[in-house]
Amino acid sequence: AIGIDPLFVGDYAMTADHFQETITTLMERVPFEMFTIELNTGEKVQIDHAGAISARAGRAVFIGPGGKLHIFGHESVNQVLFNAANTVA
């Protein structure tokens, strides 16, 4: 793990601040490592490049391969997976 609080589950949603801190930390890793955002719907969005995602105020925009646009907010995020061990945040 990289010092990010664990994901709140059950009756708790990921807060805007937690989401922002998590995404910013993962975007700024050197060297960049891919990570996955799992939405409450079960959809998994693999972030493959730091320059392809922008996050602010608990919201994010990601432009995936082929120009596919993903727009989501902290309240729609189930978990963020990173590192080979699938650590969650």
C-alpha atoms as a PDB file:
ATOM      1  CA  ALA A   1       0.000   0.000   0.000  1.00  0.00           C
ATOM      2  CA  ILE A   2       1.050   3.581  -0.435  1.00  0.00           C
ATOM      3  CA  GLY A   3      -0.320   5.192   2.686  1.00  0.00           C
ATOM      4  CA  ILE A   4      -3.931   5.616   1.621  1.00  0.00           C
ATOM      5  CA  ASP A   5      -6.770   4.880   4.027  1.00  0.00           C
ATOM      6  CA  PRO A   6      -8.627   1.647   3.263  1.00  0.00           C
ATOM      7  CA  LEU A   7     -11.876   1.772   1.323  1.00  0.00           C
ATOM      8  CA  PHE A   8     -15.002   2.202   3.373  1.00  0.00           C
ATOM      9  CA  VAL A   9     -17.499  -0.539   2.524  1.00  0.00           C
ATOM     10  CA  GLY A  10     -21.001  -1.504   3.485  1.00  0.00           C
ATOM     11  CA  ASP A  11     -23.065   1.489   4.531  1.00  0.00           C
ATOM     12  CA  TYR A  12     -20.225   3.927   3.863  1.00  0.00           C
ATOM     13  CA  ALA A  13     -19.398   5.570   0.560  1.00  0.00           C
ATOM     14  CA  MET A  14     -16.003   6.775  -0.589  1.00  0.00           C
ATOM     15  CA  THR A  15     -15.812  10.465   0.291  1.00  0.00           C
ATOM     16  CA  ALA A  16     -14.878  13.136  -2.231  1.00  0.00           C
ATOM     17  CA  ASP A  17     -11.687  13.903  -0.291  1.00  0.00           C
ATOM     18  CA  HIS A  18     -10.651  10.246  -0.083  1.00  0.00           C
ATOM     19  CA  PHE A  19     -11.321   9.755  -3.788  1.00  0.00           C
ATOM     20  CA  GLN A  20      -9.341  12.871  -4.708  1.00  0.00           C
ATOM     21  CA  GLU A  21      -6.387  11.913  -2.489  1.00  0.00           C
ATOM     22  CA  THR A  22      -6.338   8.365  -3.846  1.00  0.00           C
ATOM     23  CA  ILE A  23      -6.506   9.350  -7.530  1.00  0.00           C
ATOM     24  CA  THR A  24      -3.948  12.153  -7.141  1.00  0.00           C
ATOM     25  CA  THR A  25      -1.497   9.873  -5.332  1.00  0.00           C
ATOM     26  CA  LEU A  26      -1.824   7.151  -7.967  1.00  0.00           C
ATOM     27  CA  MET A  27      -1.493   9.646 -10.846  1.00  0.00           C
ATOM     28  CA  GLU A  28       1.710  11.078  -9.392  1.00  0.00           C
ATOM     29  CA  ARG A  29       3.562   7.793  -8.806  1.00  0.00           C
ATOM     30  CA  VAL A  30       6.946   7.600 -10.514  1.00  0.00           C
ATOM     31  CA  PRO A  31       7.115   5.488 -12.482  1.00  0.00           C
ATOM     32  CA  PHE A  32       3.400   5.484 -13.212  1.00  0.00           C
ATOM     33  CA  GLU A  33       1.662   2.138 -12.625  1.00  0.00           C
ATOM     34  CA  MET A  34      -1.737   1.266 -14.022  1.00  0.00           C
ATOM     35  CA  PHE A  35      -4.640   1.087 -11.593  1.00  0.00           C
ATOM     36  CA  THR A  36      -8.292   0.129 -11.814  1.00  0.00           C
ATOM     37  CA  ILE A  37     -11.373   1.964 -10.617  1.00  0.00           C
ATOM     38  CA  GLU A  38     -14.270  -0.371  -9.897  1.00  0.00           C
ATOM     39  CA  LEU A  39     -17.661   1.305 -10.070  1.00  0.00           C
ATOM     40  CA  ASN A  40     -20.712   0.322  -8.022  1.00  0.00           C
ATOM     41  CA  THR A  41     -22.183  -1.196 -11.197  1.00  0.00           C
ATOM     42  CA  GLY A  42     -19.290  -3.681 -11.328  1.00  0.00           C
ATOM     43  CA  GLU A  43     -17.710  -1.962 -14.343  1.00  0.00           C
ATOM     44  CA  LYS A  44     -13.929  -1.751 -14.059  1.00  0.00           C
ATOM     45  CA  VAL A  45     -12.094   1.162 -15.638  1.00  0.00           C
ATOM     46  CA  GLN A  46      -8.366   0.510 -16.087  1.00  0.00           C
ATOM     47  CA  ILE A  47      -6.342   3.715 -15.896  1.00  0.00           C
ATOM     48  CA  ASP A  48      -3.413   3.079 -18.206  1.00  0.00           C
ATOM     49  CA  HIS A  49      -1.786   6.526 -18.340  1.00  0.00           C
ATOM     50  CA  ALA A  50      -1.574   9.382 -15.820  1.00  0.00           C
ATOM     51  CA  GLY A  51      -2.276  11.937 -18.536  1.00  0.00           C
ATOM     52  CA  ALA A  52      -5.538  10.246 -19.494  1.00  0.00           C
ATOM     53  CA  ILE A  53      -7.360  11.030 -16.228  1.00  0.00           C
ATOM     54  CA  SER A  54      -8.277  14.289 -14.581  1.00  0.00           C
ATOM     55  CA  ALA A  55      -9.816  14.478 -11.126  1.00  0.00           C
ATOM     56  CA  ARG A  56     -11.151  17.371  -9.074  1.00  0.00           C
ATOM     57  CA  ALA A  57     -13.658  17.829  -6.266  1.00  0.00           C
ATOM     58  CA  GLY A  58     -14.547  14.133  -6.107  1.00  0.00           C
ATOM     59  CA  ARG A  59     -15.195  13.826  -9.850  1.00  0.00           C
ATOM     60  CA  ALA A  60     -13.035  12.291 -12.584  1.00  0.00           C
ATOM     61  CA  VAL A  61     -12.851  12.144 -16.352  1.00  0.00           C
ATOM     62  CA  PHE A  62     -10.870   9.386 -18.053  1.00  0.00           C
ATOM     63  CA  ILE A  63     -10.230   9.024 -21.765  1.00  0.00           C
ATOM     64  CA  GLY A  64      -9.636   5.349 -22.457  1.00  0.00           C
ATOM     65  CA  PRO A  65      -8.211   3.541 -25.460  1.00  0.00           C
ATOM     66  CA  GLY A  66      -9.958   4.500 -28.675  1.00  0.00           C
ATOM     67  CA  GLY A  67     -11.166   7.758 -27.112  1.00  0.00           C
ATOM     68  CA  LYS A  68     -13.837   6.132 -24.930  1.00  0.00           C
ATOM     69  CA  LEU A  69     -14.904   8.705 -22.356  1.00  0.00           C
ATOM     70  CA  HIS A  70     -15.631   7.731 -18.726  1.00  0.00           C
ATOM     71  CA  ILE A  71     -17.075  10.306 -16.320  1.00  0.00           C
ATOM     72  CA  PHE A  72     -17.699   9.322 -12.710  1.00  0.00           C
ATOM     73  CA  GLY A  73     -17.856  10.661  -9.187  1.00  0.00           C
ATOM     74  CA  HIS A  74     -16.737   9.408  -5.804  1.00  0.00           C
ATOM     75  CA  GLU A  75     -20.221   8.185  -4.937  1.00  0.00           C
ATOM     76  CA  SER A  76     -20.186   5.763  -7.879  1.00  0.00           C
ATOM     77  CA  VAL A  77     -16.815   4.201  -6.933  1.00  0.00           C
ATOM     78  CA  ASN A  78     -16.776   0.875  -5.131  1.00  0.00           C
ATOM     79  CA  GLN A  79     -12.999   0.545  -4.847  1.00  0.00           C
ATOM     80  CA  VAL A  80      -9.677   1.487  -6.400  1.00  0.00           C
ATOM     81  CA  LEU A  81      -7.286  -1.391  -7.115  1.00  0.00           C
ATOM     82  CA  PHE A  82      -3.555  -0.845  -7.490  1.00  0.00           C
ATOM     83  CA  ASN A  83      -0.277  -2.783  -7.333  1.00  0.00           C
ATOM     84  CA  ALA A  84       0.140  -6.442  -8.229  1.00  0.00           C
ATOM     85  CA  ALA A  85      -1.468  -7.545  -4.967  1.00  0.00           C
ATOM     86  CA  ASN A  86      -4.729  -5.745  -5.879  1.00  0.00           C
ATOM     87  CA  THR A  87      -4.492  -3.498  -2.852  1.00  0.00           C
ATOM     88  CA  VAL A  88      -7.650  -1.450  -2.408  1.00  0.00           C
ATOM     89  CA  ALA A  89      -8.147   2.164  -1.450  1.00  0.00           C
END
